[in-house]
Amino acid sequence: MKALFRGKILTIPNILSLIRVCLIPLFVWLYLAQDDVLATAIVLLLSGLTDALDGFIARHFNMISDFGKALDPFADKLTQFAMLCCLVIRYPRMIWLIVVLCVKEICVAISQIVVIQKRDLVLGAAWHGKVTTILLYAVMTLHLLWLEIPDALSWALVLLCICMLLLSGVLYGIRNYRATHQEPDTAENTASSDEPAGEA
């Protein structure tokens, strides 16, 4: 059943990921032009809900596709990057999160491209990637709604996110290195066991 959706593009999980991308201009406009933090937070949480929902549908209806494996994390990172760029205006310390996020994603993307070129294998997100995403959404939402958040707490949350991003980047690097240097059958088995239940 899963094989039926592997090469598909127009699946429900992928459509939800596209909706998540389309929500980005909306929350950027609400935050920067309207200065409506509550509405921004609601749209951001809605975006996070679509992320959880597309994973649930992909898992329960076996709608996992190679396109979705790339689109889902792309939509996540683009959402995170856009929201962090908005928050940096009010919280300059967020620039460190932006830098680490960009470096991590570039390095991971390069290593995944190598896996695709050498093994013709598209790897999905791992558990630590999902944990990092949830943590980032939580921290961004907290900074949106708690305008007077103490500096010490804000810094602690930013550092926690940075540490999780670095850990996730290292684990992805190890996974992709192993996938590149293992035999094709072994690499595919590793990818299958690493692929989360909610990956689209």
N, C-alpha and C. Protein backbone atom coordinates (compact mmCIF):
# COMPACT_ATOMS: atom_id res chain seq x y z
N MET A 1 0.84 -1.21 0.00
CA MET A 1 0.00 0.00 0.00
C MET A 1 0.87 1.26 0.00
N LYS A 2 1.92 1.22 0.84
CA LYS A 2 2.80 2.38 0.93
C LYS A 2 3.43 2.72 -0.41
N ALA A 3 3.77 1.67 -1.20
CA ALA A 3 4.44 1.88 -2.47
C ALA A 3 3.57 2.64 -3.45
N LEU A 4 2.25 2.56 -3.29
CA LEU A 4 1.34 3.25 -4.19
C LEU A 4 1.50 4.77 -4.11
N PHE A 5 1.95 5.28 -2.96
CA PHE A 5 2.03 6.73 -2.76
C PHE A 5 3.46 7.25 -2.84
N ARG A 6 4.44 6.36 -2.98
CA ARG A 6 5.83 6.81 -2.91
C ARG A 6 6.16 7.89 -3.93
N GLY A 7 5.66 7.74 -5.16
CA GLY A 7 5.98 8.71 -6.19
C GLY A 7 4.91 9.77 -6.39
N LYS A 8 3.90 9.77 -5.54
CA LYS A 8 2.79 10.71 -5.68
C LYS A 8 3.18 12.11 -5.17
N ILE A 9 2.51 13.12 -5.74
CA ILE A 9 2.70 14.50 -5.30
C ILE A 9 1.43 15.03 -4.64
N LEU A 10 0.29 14.84 -5.31
CA LEU A 10 -0.97 15.36 -4.78
C LEU A 10 -1.61 14.36 -3.80
N THR A 11 -1.04 14.31 -2.61
CA THR A 11 -1.63 13.53 -1.53
C THR A 11 -2.13 14.50 -0.47
N ILE A 12 -3.00 14.04 0.40
CA ILE A 12 -3.54 14.92 1.45
C ILE A 12 -2.42 15.48 2.33
N PRO A 13 -1.46 14.66 2.80
CA PRO A 13 -0.38 15.21 3.61
C PRO A 13 0.42 16.29 2.88
N ASN A 14 0.67 16.09 1.59
CA ASN A 14 1.43 17.08 0.83
C ASN A 14 0.64 18.37 0.64
N ILE A 15 -0.68 18.26 0.45
CA ILE A 15 -1.52 19.44 0.34
C ILE A 15 -1.50 20.23 1.64
N LEU A 16 -1.52 19.53 2.77
CA LEU A 16 -1.45 20.20 4.07
C LEU A 16 -0.11 20.91 4.24
N SER A 17 0.95 20.30 3.74
CA SER A 17 2.27 20.95 3.81
C SER A 17 2.29 22.21 2.95
N LEU A 18 1.64 22.15 1.79
CA LEU A 18 1.56 23.34 0.93
C LEU A 18 0.74 24.44 1.59
N ILE A 19 -0.32 24.05 2.30
CA ILE A 19 -1.11 25.04 3.04
C ILE A 19 -0.24 25.72 4.09
N ARG A 20 0.62 24.94 4.73
CA ARG A 20 1.53 25.50 5.74
C ARG A 20 2.44 26.55 5.13
N VAL A 21 2.90 26.31 3.92
CA VAL A 21 3.73 27.29 3.23
C VAL A 21 2.92 28.56 2.93
N CYS A 22 1.67 28.37 2.52
CA CYS A 22 0.81 29.51 2.18
C CYS A 22 0.44 30.35 3.41
N LEU A 23 0.52 29.77 4.58
CA LEU A 23 0.21 30.51 5.81
C LEU A 23 1.33 31.48 6.20
N ILE A 24 2.51 31.29 5.65
CA ILE A 24 3.66 32.12 6.02
C ILE A 24 3.42 33.61 5.73
N PRO A 25 3.02 33.99 4.51
CA PRO A 25 2.78 35.43 4.27
C PRO A 25 1.70 36.00 5.19
N LEU A 26 0.74 35.18 5.58
CA LEU A 26 -0.34 35.66 6.44
C LEU A 26 0.17 36.04 7.82
N PHE A 27 0.94 35.14 8.46
CA PHE A 27 1.39 35.50 9.81
C PHE A 27 2.47 36.58 9.80
N VAL A 28 3.24 36.66 8.71
CA VAL A 28 4.23 37.74 8.59
C VAL A 28 3.50 39.08 8.49
N TRP A 29 2.44 39.13 7.69
CA TRP A 29 1.65 40.35 7.54
C TRP A 29 0.97 40.73 8.86
N LEU A 30 0.42 39.74 9.56
CA LEU A 30 -0.26 40.01 10.82
C LEU A 30 0.71 40.57 11.87
N TYR A 31 1.93 40.05 11.86
CA TYR A 31 2.90 40.47 12.88
C TYR A 31 3.55 41.81 12.54
N LEU A 32 3.99 41.96 11.31
CA LEU A 32 4.74 43.15 10.93
C LEU A 32 3.84 44.33 10.56
N ALA A 33 2.78 44.07 9.82
CA ALA A 33 1.92 45.16 9.36
C ALA A 33 0.80 45.49 10.34
N GLN A 34 0.22 44.46 10.96
CA GLN A 34 -0.91 44.68 11.86
C GLN A 34 -0.52 44.72 13.34
N ASP A 35 0.66 44.24 13.65
CA ASP A 35 1.13 44.16 15.04
C ASP A 35 0.10 43.42 15.92
N ASP A 36 -0.48 42.37 15.36
CA ASP A 36 -1.49 41.58 16.06
C ASP A 36 -0.84 40.26 16.49
N VAL A 37 -0.29 40.26 17.70
CA VAL A 37 0.46 39.09 18.14
C VAL A 37 -0.46 37.90 18.40
N LEU A 38 -1.66 38.15 18.86
CA LEU A 38 -2.59 37.06 19.13
C LEU A 38 -2.99 36.34 17.85
N ALA A 39 -3.35 37.11 16.84
CA ALA A 39 -3.71 36.52 15.55
C ALA A 39 -2.52 35.79 14.93
N THR A 40 -1.33 36.38 15.09
CA THR A 40 -0.12 35.73 14.58
C THR A 40 0.09 34.40 15.26
N ALA A 41 -0.08 34.36 16.58
CA ALA A 41 0.10 33.11 17.33
C ALA A 41 -0.92 32.06 16.90
N ILE A 42 -2.15 32.49 16.65
CA ILE A 42 -3.19 31.55 16.22
C ILE A 42 -2.84 30.94 14.87
N VAL A 43 -2.38 31.76 13.94
CA VAL A 43 -1.99 31.25 12.62
C VAL A 43 -0.79 30.33 12.74
N LEU A 44 0.16 30.69 13.61
CA LEU A 44 1.34 29.85 13.80
C LEU A 44 0.96 28.49 14.39
N LEU A 45 0.04 28.50 15.36
CA LEU A 45 -0.42 27.24 15.95
C LEU A 45 -1.21 26.43 14.93
N LEU A 46 -1.97 27.10 14.08
CA LEU A 46 -2.68 26.41 13.01
C LEU A 46 -1.69 25.75 12.06
N SER A 47 -0.60 26.45 11.79
CA SER A 47 0.45 25.89 10.95
C SER A 47 1.03 24.64 11.60
N GLY A 48 1.28 24.72 12.91
CA GLY A 48 1.79 23.55 13.62
C GLY A 48 0.81 22.40 13.62
N LEU A 49 -0.48 22.73 13.66
CA LEU A 49 -1.52 21.70 13.64
C LEU A 49 -1.53 20.96 12.31
N THR A 50 -1.35 21.70 11.21
CA THR A 50 -1.31 21.04 9.90
C THR A 50 -0.10 20.11 9.81
N ASP A 51 0.99 20.48 10.48
CA ASP A 51 2.18 19.64 10.50
C ASP A 51 1.88 18.32 11.20
N ALA A 52 1.21 18.41 12.36
CA ALA A 52 0.86 17.19 13.10
C ALA A 52 -0.17 16.37 12.33
N LEU A 53 -1.11 17.05 11.68
CA LEU A 53 -2.19 16.36 10.97
C LEU A 53 -1.67 15.63 9.74
N ASP A 54 -0.77 16.25 8.99
CA ASP A 54 -0.28 15.56 7.79
C ASP A 54 0.53 14.32 8.18
N GLY A 55 1.22 14.41 9.32
CA GLY A 55 1.94 13.24 9.80
C GLY A 55 1.00 12.12 10.22
N PHE A 56 -0.08 12.49 10.89
CA PHE A 56 -1.07 11.51 11.34
C PHE A 56 -1.70 10.80 10.14
N ILE A 57 -2.08 11.57 9.14
CA ILE A 57 -2.71 10.99 7.95
C ILE A 57 -1.72 10.09 7.20
N ALA A 58 -0.47 10.57 7.08
CA ALA A 58 0.54 9.78 6.37
C ALA A 58 0.76 8.44 7.06
N ARG A 59 0.75 8.47 8.40
CA ARG A 59 1.01 7.25 9.16
C ARG A 59 -0.16 6.27 9.06
N HIS A 60 -1.36 6.77 9.27
CA HIS A 60 -2.52 5.88 9.37
C HIS A 60 -3.06 5.43 8.01
N PHE A 61 -2.78 6.21 6.96
CA PHE A 61 -3.28 5.84 5.64
C PHE A 61 -2.15 5.51 4.66
N ASN A 62 -0.94 5.35 5.20
CA ASN A 62 0.22 4.97 4.39
C ASN A 62 0.42 5.85 3.16
N MET A 63 0.26 7.17 3.37
CA MET A 63 0.43 8.11 2.27
C MET A 63 1.83 8.75 2.28
N ILE A 64 2.83 7.98 2.60
CA ILE A 64 4.20 8.48 2.62
C ILE A 64 4.73 8.55 1.19
N SER A 65 5.28 9.70 0.82
CA SER A 65 5.81 9.87 -0.54
C SER A 65 7.19 10.51 -0.46
N ASP A 66 7.98 10.27 -1.51
CA ASP A 66 9.32 10.89 -1.56
C ASP A 66 9.21 12.40 -1.62
N PHE A 67 8.23 12.90 -2.37
CA PHE A 67 8.02 14.35 -2.46
C PHE A 67 7.67 14.91 -1.09
N GLY A 68 6.82 14.20 -0.35
CA GLY A 68 6.43 14.66 0.98
C GLY A 68 7.58 14.66 1.96
N LYS A 69 8.50 13.71 1.80
CA LYS A 69 9.66 13.66 2.69
C LYS A 69 10.50 14.92 2.56
N ALA A 70 10.49 15.50 1.38
CA ALA A 70 11.25 16.74 1.15
C ALA A 70 10.41 17.97 1.48
N LEU A 71 9.11 17.92 1.10
CA LEU A 71 8.25 19.09 1.28
C LEU A 71 7.95 19.37 2.75
N ASP A 72 7.69 18.34 3.53
CA ASP A 72 7.30 18.52 4.93
C ASP A 72 8.37 19.27 5.73
N PRO A 73 9.63 18.81 5.73
CA PRO A 73 10.65 19.57 6.47
C PRO A 73 10.93 20.94 5.85
N PHE A 74 10.79 21.06 4.52
CA PHE A 74 10.99 22.37 3.88
C PHE A 74 9.96 23.37 4.40
N ALA A 75 8.70 22.95 4.47
CA ALA A 75 7.64 23.82 4.97
C ALA A 75 7.90 24.19 6.43
N ASP A 76 8.36 23.22 7.22
CA ASP A 76 8.69 23.50 8.62
C ASP A 76 9.77 24.55 8.74
N LYS A 77 10.87 24.35 8.03
CA LYS A 77 12.02 25.24 8.18
C LYS A 77 11.71 26.63 7.63
N LEU A 78 10.95 26.70 6.55
CA LEU A 78 10.59 27.99 5.99
C LEU A 78 9.69 28.76 6.97
N THR A 79 8.77 28.05 7.61
CA THR A 79 7.91 28.66 8.62
C THR A 79 8.73 29.16 9.80
N GLN A 80 9.63 28.33 10.28
CA GLN A 80 10.47 28.70 11.42
C GLN A 80 11.35 29.91 11.08
N PHE A 81 11.95 29.87 9.91
CA PHE A 81 12.83 30.97 9.50
C PHE A 81 12.06 32.28 9.41
N ALA A 82 10.88 32.24 8.80
CA ALA A 82 10.07 33.45 8.64
C ALA A 82 9.66 34.02 10.00
N MET A 83 9.21 33.13 10.91
CA MET A 83 8.76 33.60 12.22
C MET A 83 9.92 34.14 13.04
N LEU A 84 11.06 33.50 12.97
CA LEU A 84 12.24 33.97 13.71
C LEU A 84 12.69 35.33 13.18
N CYS A 85 12.60 35.53 11.86
CA CYS A 85 12.96 36.83 11.29
C CYS A 85 12.02 37.92 11.78
N CYS A 86 10.75 37.56 12.01
CA CYS A 86 9.81 38.53 12.58
C CYS A 86 10.16 38.82 14.03
N LEU A 87 10.44 37.78 14.78
CA LEU A 87 10.71 37.93 16.22
C LEU A 87 12.02 38.67 16.50
N VAL A 88 12.98 38.59 15.57
CA VAL A 88 14.27 39.21 15.82
C VAL A 88 14.15 40.73 15.95
N ILE A 89 13.08 41.29 15.40
CA ILE A 89 12.86 42.74 15.53
C ILE A 89 12.63 43.12 16.99
N ARG A 90 11.89 42.28 17.70
CA ARG A 90 11.59 42.54 19.11
C ARG A 90 12.61 41.88 20.04
N TYR A 91 13.15 40.76 19.59
CA TYR A 91 14.12 40.01 20.40
C TYR A 91 15.39 39.79 19.58
N PRO A 92 16.34 40.73 19.61
CA PRO A 92 17.55 40.61 18.80
C PRO A 92 18.33 39.31 19.01
N ARG A 93 18.18 38.71 20.18
CA ARG A 93 18.91 37.46 20.46
C ARG A 93 18.49 36.32 19.52
N MET A 94 17.34 36.46 18.89
CA MET A 94 16.87 35.43 17.98
C MET A 94 17.78 35.27 16.76
N ILE A 95 18.64 36.25 16.52
CA ILE A 95 19.55 36.16 15.39
C ILE A 95 20.45 34.93 15.50
N TRP A 96 20.78 34.55 16.74
CA TRP A 96 21.63 33.37 16.94
C TRP A 96 20.89 32.09 16.53
N LEU A 97 19.60 32.05 16.80
CA LEU A 97 18.80 30.91 16.38
C LEU A 97 18.72 30.84 14.85
N ILE A 98 18.57 32.00 14.23
CA ILE A 98 18.48 32.05 12.77
C ILE A 98 19.78 31.54 12.15
N VAL A 99 20.91 32.00 12.68
CA VAL A 99 22.22 31.59 12.14
C VAL A 99 22.41 30.09 12.28
N VAL A 100 22.17 29.56 13.48
CA VAL A 100 22.37 28.13 13.71
C VAL A 100 21.40 27.31 12.87
N LEU A 101 20.15 27.76 12.77
CA LEU A 101 19.16 27.04 11.95
C LEU A 101 19.60 26.98 10.49
N CYS A 102 20.06 28.11 9.97
CA CYS A 102 20.48 28.16 8.57
C CYS A 102 21.68 27.25 8.31
N VAL A 103 22.69 27.33 9.18
CA VAL A 103 23.90 26.51 9.01
C VAL A 103 23.55 25.03 9.09
N LYS A 104 22.73 24.68 10.09
CA LYS A 104 22.34 23.28 10.27
C LYS A 104 21.60 22.76 9.04
N GLU A 105 20.63 23.53 8.56
CA GLU A 105 19.82 23.08 7.43
C GLU A 105 20.63 22.98 6.15
N ILE A 106 21.57 23.90 5.94
CA ILE A 106 22.41 23.84 4.74
C ILE A 106 23.28 22.59 4.77
N CYS A 107 23.89 22.32 5.93
CA CYS A 107 24.75 21.14 6.06
C CYS A 107 23.97 19.85 5.89
N VAL A 108 22.79 19.78 6.52
CA VAL A 108 21.96 18.58 6.40
C VAL A 108 21.49 18.39 4.96
N ALA A 109 21.09 19.49 4.31
CA ALA A 109 20.62 19.41 2.92
C ALA A 109 21.71 18.89 1.99
N ILE A 110 22.94 19.38 2.20
CA ILE A 110 24.06 18.92 1.36
C ILE A 110 24.29 17.43 1.54
N SER A 111 24.27 16.97 2.80
CA SER A 111 24.50 15.55 3.07
C SER A 111 23.37 14.69 2.52
N GLN A 112 22.14 15.22 2.54
CA GLN A 112 21.01 14.46 1.99
C GLN A 112 21.07 14.40 0.47
N ILE A 113 21.56 15.46 -0.16
CA ILE A 113 21.73 15.45 -1.61
C ILE A 113 22.74 14.38 -2.02
N VAL A 114 23.79 14.24 -1.21
CA VAL A 114 24.80 13.21 -1.48
C VAL A 114 24.16 11.82 -1.40
N VAL A 115 23.31 11.62 -0.39
CA VAL A 115 22.62 10.33 -0.25
C VAL A 115 21.75 10.06 -1.47
N ILE A 116 21.02 11.08 -1.93
CA ILE A 116 20.15 10.91 -3.09
C ILE A 116 20.97 10.57 -4.34
N GLN A 117 22.10 11.27 -4.52
CA GLN A 117 22.93 11.04 -5.70
C GLN A 117 23.57 9.67 -5.70
N LYS A 118 24.03 9.23 -4.52
CA LYS A 118 24.76 7.96 -4.45
C LYS A 118 23.85 6.75 -4.27
N ARG A 119 22.72 6.95 -3.58
CA ARG A 119 21.86 5.81 -3.27
C ARG A 119 20.47 5.91 -3.87
N ASP A 120 20.15 7.05 -4.51
CA ASP A 120 18.80 7.28 -5.01
C ASP A 120 17.78 7.01 -3.91
N LEU A 121 18.06 7.55 -2.74
CA LEU A 121 17.26 7.28 -1.55
C LEU A 121 16.89 8.60 -0.88
N VAL A 122 15.59 8.83 -0.69
CA VAL A 122 15.11 10.04 -0.01
C VAL A 122 14.79 9.68 1.44
N LEU A 123 15.55 10.24 2.36
CA LEU A 123 15.36 9.94 3.78
C LEU A 123 14.38 10.92 4.42
N GLY A 124 13.53 10.42 5.27
CA GLY A 124 12.57 11.27 5.97
C GLY A 124 13.17 11.88 7.22
N ALA A 125 12.34 12.65 7.92
CA ALA A 125 12.78 13.27 9.17
C ALA A 125 12.91 12.22 10.26
N ALA A 126 13.81 12.44 11.19
CA ALA A 126 14.01 11.54 12.32
C ALA A 126 13.34 12.13 13.57
N TRP A 127 13.32 11.34 14.65
CA TRP A 127 12.62 11.76 15.87
C TRP A 127 13.18 13.07 16.41
N HIS A 128 14.52 13.23 16.34
CA HIS A 128 15.13 14.44 16.91
C HIS A 128 14.76 15.67 16.09
N GLY A 129 14.51 15.49 14.79
CA GLY A 129 14.07 16.60 13.96
C GLY A 129 12.68 17.06 14.35
N LYS A 130 11.80 16.09 14.66
CA LYS A 130 10.45 16.43 15.08
C LYS A 130 10.45 17.09 16.46
N VAL A 131 11.29 16.60 17.37
CA VAL A 131 11.39 17.20 18.70
C VAL A 131 11.88 18.64 18.59
N THR A 132 12.86 18.87 17.73
CA THR A 132 13.38 20.22 17.51
C THR A 132 12.30 21.14 16.96
N THR A 133 11.51 20.63 16.03
CA THR A 133 10.42 21.42 15.44
C THR A 133 9.40 21.82 16.50
N ILE A 134 8.99 20.85 17.32
CA ILE A 134 8.02 21.13 18.39
C ILE A 134 8.57 22.17 19.37
N LEU A 135 9.84 22.01 19.73
CA LEU A 135 10.46 22.95 20.66
C LEU A 135 10.51 24.36 20.08
N LEU A 136 10.87 24.47 18.81
CA LEU A 136 10.93 25.78 18.17
C LEU A 136 9.56 26.44 18.10
N TYR A 137 8.55 25.68 17.74
CA TYR A 137 7.19 26.22 17.69
C TYR A 137 6.77 26.72 19.08
N ALA A 138 7.08 25.94 20.11
CA ALA A 138 6.70 26.31 21.47
C ALA A 138 7.40 27.60 21.90
N VAL A 139 8.70 27.69 21.62
CA VAL A 139 9.47 28.87 22.02
C VAL A 139 9.01 30.10 21.25
N MET A 140 8.76 29.95 19.97
CA MET A 140 8.30 31.09 19.17
C MET A 140 6.94 31.58 19.64
N THR A 141 6.04 30.64 19.92
CA THR A 141 4.70 31.02 20.39
C THR A 141 4.77 31.71 21.74
N LEU A 142 5.63 31.21 22.62
CA LEU A 142 5.78 31.82 23.94
C LEU A 142 6.28 33.26 23.83
N HIS A 143 7.25 33.48 22.95
CA HIS A 143 7.77 34.84 22.76
C HIS A 143 6.75 35.75 22.07
N LEU A 144 5.86 35.16 21.30
CA LEU A 144 4.80 35.95 20.67
C LEU A 144 3.80 36.46 21.70
N LEU A 145 3.40 35.57 22.61
CA LEU A 145 2.33 35.90 23.54
C LEU A 145 2.81 36.56 24.83
N TRP A 146 4.05 36.28 25.23
CA TRP A 146 4.59 36.82 26.47
C TRP A 146 5.56 37.95 26.12
N LEU A 147 5.01 39.12 25.91
CA LEU A 147 5.83 40.24 25.45
C LEU A 147 6.84 40.69 26.49
N GLU A 148 6.54 40.45 27.75
CA GLU A 148 7.46 40.85 28.83
C GLU A 148 8.22 39.66 29.39
N ILE A 149 8.50 38.70 28.57
CA ILE A 149 9.24 37.52 29.03
C ILE A 149 10.59 37.95 29.60
N PRO A 150 10.97 37.44 30.78
CA PRO A 150 12.27 37.82 31.37
C PRO A 150 13.43 37.47 30.44
N ASP A 151 14.42 38.33 30.41
CA ASP A 151 15.57 38.09 29.54
C ASP A 151 16.25 36.77 29.85
N ALA A 152 16.38 36.45 31.13
CA ALA A 152 17.07 35.21 31.51
C ALA A 152 16.34 33.99 30.96
N LEU A 153 15.02 33.99 31.08
CA LEU A 153 14.24 32.87 30.57
C LEU A 153 14.30 32.81 29.05
N SER A 154 14.21 33.97 28.42
CA SER A 154 14.28 34.02 26.96
C SER A 154 15.60 33.47 26.45
N TRP A 155 16.69 33.91 27.08
CA TRP A 155 18.02 33.42 26.69
C TRP A 155 18.13 31.91 26.90
N ALA A 156 17.59 31.42 28.01
CA ALA A 156 17.65 29.99 28.31
C ALA A 156 16.92 29.17 27.24
N LEU A 157 15.76 29.66 26.82
CA LEU A 157 14.99 28.97 25.79
C LEU A 157 15.70 29.01 24.44
N VAL A 158 16.29 30.15 24.12
CA VAL A 158 17.05 30.28 22.87
C VAL A 158 18.23 29.31 22.86
N LEU A 159 18.96 29.25 23.97
CA LEU A 159 20.11 28.34 24.07
C LEU A 159 19.68 26.89 24.00
N LEU A 160 18.53 26.58 24.60
CA LEU A 160 18.01 25.22 24.53
C LEU A 160 17.72 24.83 23.09
N CYS A 161 17.09 25.74 22.35
CA CYS A 161 16.80 25.49 20.94
C CYS A 161 18.09 25.32 20.13
N ILE A 162 19.08 26.15 20.43
CA ILE A 162 20.36 26.05 19.72
C ILE A 162 21.01 24.69 19.97
N CYS A 163 21.00 24.26 21.22
CA CYS A 163 21.59 22.96 21.57
C CYS A 163 20.86 21.83 20.85
N MET A 164 19.53 21.91 20.79
CA MET A 164 18.76 20.86 20.12
C MET A 164 19.00 20.87 18.63
N LEU A 165 19.13 22.06 18.05
CA LEU A 165 19.44 22.17 16.63
C LEU A 165 20.80 21.53 16.31
N LEU A 166 21.78 21.83 17.14
CA LEU A 166 23.13 21.27 16.92
C LEU A 166 23.13 19.76 17.08
N LEU A 167 22.43 19.26 18.10
CA LEU A 167 22.34 17.81 18.31
C LEU A 167 21.66 17.14 17.12
N SER A 168 20.56 17.72 16.68
CA SER A 168 19.84 17.16 15.55
C SER A 168 20.70 17.17 14.29
N GLY A 169 21.44 18.27 14.08
CA GLY A 169 22.31 18.36 12.92
C GLY A 169 23.39 17.28 12.93
N VAL A 170 23.98 17.03 14.09
CA VAL A 170 25.01 15.99 14.21
C VAL A 170 24.42 14.61 13.94
N LEU A 171 23.25 14.33 14.51
CA LEU A 171 22.62 13.02 14.32
C LEU A 171 22.20 12.80 12.87
N TYR A 172 21.71 13.86 12.22
CA TYR A 172 21.39 13.74 10.80
C TYR A 172 22.66 13.49 9.98
N GLY A 173 23.74 14.18 10.35
CA GLY A 173 25.00 13.99 9.64
C GLY A 173 25.49 12.56 9.74
N ILE A 174 25.40 11.99 10.94
CA ILE A 174 25.82 10.60 11.15
C ILE A 174 24.94 9.65 10.34
N ARG A 175 23.62 9.89 10.38
CA ARG A 175 22.69 9.04 9.63
C ARG A 175 22.97 9.09 8.14
N ASN A 176 23.15 10.28 7.61
CA ASN A 176 23.36 10.42 6.18
C ASN A 176 24.71 9.86 5.75
N TYR A 177 25.71 10.00 6.62
CA TYR A 177 27.02 9.42 6.32
C TYR A 177 26.92 7.89 6.24
N ARG A 178 26.23 7.31 7.19
CA ARG A 178 26.06 5.86 7.19
C ARG A 178 25.27 5.39 5.98
N ALA A 179 24.22 6.16 5.64
CA ALA A 179 23.41 5.78 4.48
C ALA A 179 24.22 5.84 3.19
N THR A 180 25.16 6.79 3.13
CA THR A 180 25.99 6.94 1.93
C THR A 180 27.01 5.82 1.80
N HIS A 181 27.53 5.34 2.92
CA HIS A 181 28.64 4.38 2.89
C HIS A 181 28.21 2.93 3.12
N GLN A 182 26.93 2.70 3.42
CA GLN A 182 26.46 1.33 3.57
C GLN A 182 26.06 0.76 2.22
N GLU A 183 25.87 -0.56 2.21
CA GLU A 183 25.36 -1.19 1.02
C GLU A 183 23.93 -0.71 0.78
N PRO A 184 23.46 -0.63 -0.47
CA PRO A 184 22.14 -0.10 -0.78
C PRO A 184 21.01 -0.72 0.03
N ASP A 185 20.99 -2.07 0.15
CA ASP A 185 19.92 -2.73 0.90
C ASP A 185 19.93 -2.33 2.36
N THR A 186 21.13 -2.24 2.93
CA THR A 186 21.27 -1.87 4.34
C THR A 186 20.85 -0.43 4.56
N ALA A 187 21.22 0.44 3.62
CA ALA A 187 20.86 1.85 3.73
C ALA A 187 19.35 2.03 3.69
N GLU A 188 18.67 1.25 2.83
CA GLU A 188 17.22 1.36 2.74
C GLU A 188 16.56 0.89 4.01
N ASN A 189 17.11 -0.17 4.61
CA ASN A 189 16.57 -0.66 5.88
C ASN A 189 16.76 0.34 6.98
N THR A 190 17.92 1.01 6.98
CA THR A 190 18.19 2.05 7.98
C THR A 190 17.21 3.20 7.83
N ALA A 191 16.95 3.58 6.58
CA ALA A 191 16.01 4.67 6.32
C ALA A 191 14.61 4.31 6.78
N SER A 192 14.21 3.05 6.56
CA SER A 192 12.87 2.63 6.95
C SER A 192 12.69 2.64 8.45
N SER A 193 13.73 2.21 9.18
CA SER A 193 13.64 2.18 10.64
C SER A 193 13.75 3.57 11.23
N ASP A 194 14.41 4.48 10.51
CA ASP A 194 14.60 5.84 11.01
C ASP A 194 13.42 6.73 10.70
N GLU A 195 12.66 6.38 9.66
CA GLU A 195 11.55 7.21 9.22
C GLU A 195 10.46 7.26 10.28
N PRO A 196 10.04 8.44 10.73
CA PRO A 196 9.05 8.53 11.77
C PRO A 196 7.67 8.16 11.27
N ALA A 197 6.82 7.79 12.19
CA ALA A 197 5.47 7.39 11.81
C ALA A 197 4.71 8.53 11.18
N GLY A 198 5.07 9.77 11.55
CA GLY A 198 4.31 10.90 11.06
C GLY A 198 4.89 11.58 9.85
N GLU A 199 5.91 10.99 9.24
CA GLU A 199 6.54 11.65 8.10
C GLU A 199 5.66 11.53 6.87
N ALA A 200 5.54 12.64 6.12
CA ALA A 200 4.74 12.61 4.91
C ALA A 200 5.62 12.62 3.68
